[in-house]
Amino acid sequence: MDVNNGITQLKQFIVSNNIVGTSAGVCIALATKDGIQSLIGDVIAPSVSAGNAPHKP
């Protein structure tokens, strides 16, 4: 098996199994998770611990 044949097979595997789409989805999910954790840690948790959470009537 020469190098060009191996690269061609790798390209075909990436395209046929939608590796790019899966990788993009994983990156978006990780960024969303980090954003939610930052929001909770920097905004919501301090306001709850300081007693500034909105109260229901």
Protein backbone atom coordinates (compact mmCIF):
# COMPACT_ATOMS: atom_id res chain seq x y z
CA MET A 1 0.00 0.00 0.00
CA ASP A 2 1.55 3.30 -1.04
CA VAL A 3 1.10 6.64 0.68
CA ASN A 4 -1.41 8.05 -1.83
CA ASN A 5 -3.68 5.03 -1.49
CA GLY A 6 -3.57 5.33 2.31
CA ILE A 7 -4.41 9.03 2.20
CA THR A 8 -7.25 8.35 -0.23
CA GLN A 9 -8.69 5.70 2.08
CA LEU A 10 -8.39 8.07 5.07
CA LYS A 11 -10.23 10.83 3.17
CA GLN A 12 -12.96 8.39 2.16
CA PHE A 13 -13.33 7.21 5.78
CA ILE A 14 -13.60 10.81 7.05
CA VAL A 15 -16.24 11.73 4.46
CA SER A 16 -18.30 8.53 4.70
CA ASN A 17 -18.48 8.58 8.51
CA ASN A 18 -19.13 12.34 8.84
CA ILE A 19 -16.13 12.80 11.11
CA VAL A 20 -16.08 16.57 10.50
CA GLY A 21 -19.71 17.00 11.54
CA THR A 22 -19.23 14.87 14.63
CA SER A 23 -16.11 16.82 15.63
CA ALA A 24 -17.91 20.13 15.16
CA GLY A 25 -20.81 18.91 17.29
CA VAL A 26 -18.47 17.85 20.07
CA CYS A 27 -16.69 21.23 20.00
CA ILE A 28 -20.00 23.09 20.20
CA ALA A 29 -21.17 20.90 23.08
CA LEU A 30 -17.96 21.49 25.05
CA ALA A 31 -18.14 25.25 24.48
CA THR A 32 -21.77 25.30 25.62
CA LYS A 33 -20.92 23.29 28.73
CA ASP A 34 -18.09 25.68 29.60
CA GLY A 35 -20.35 28.68 29.05
CA ILE A 36 -23.04 27.31 31.33
CA GLN A 37 -20.52 26.43 34.04
CA SER A 38 -19.03 29.93 33.86
CA LEU A 39 -22.46 31.52 34.08
CA ILE A 40 -23.37 29.46 37.12
CA GLY A 41 -20.01 29.97 38.82
CA ASP A 42 -19.63 33.70 38.13
CA VAL A 43 -23.21 35.01 38.22
CA ILE A 44 -25.76 32.68 39.74
CA ALA A 45 -23.83 31.10 42.63
CA PRO A 46 -22.51 34.42 44.07
CA SER A 47 -25.95 36.03 43.95
CA VAL A 48 -27.52 33.05 45.72
CA SER A 49 -24.83 32.94 48.40
CA ALA A 50 -25.11 36.72 48.93
CA GLY A 51 -28.86 36.48 49.41
CA ASN A 52 -29.66 38.47 46.28
CA ALA A 53 -31.63 35.75 44.55
CA PRO A 54 -35.05 36.84 43.35
CA HIS A 55 -37.82 35.81 45.71
CA LYS A 56 -41.19 34.48 44.62
CA PRO A 57 -44.15 36.41 46.03
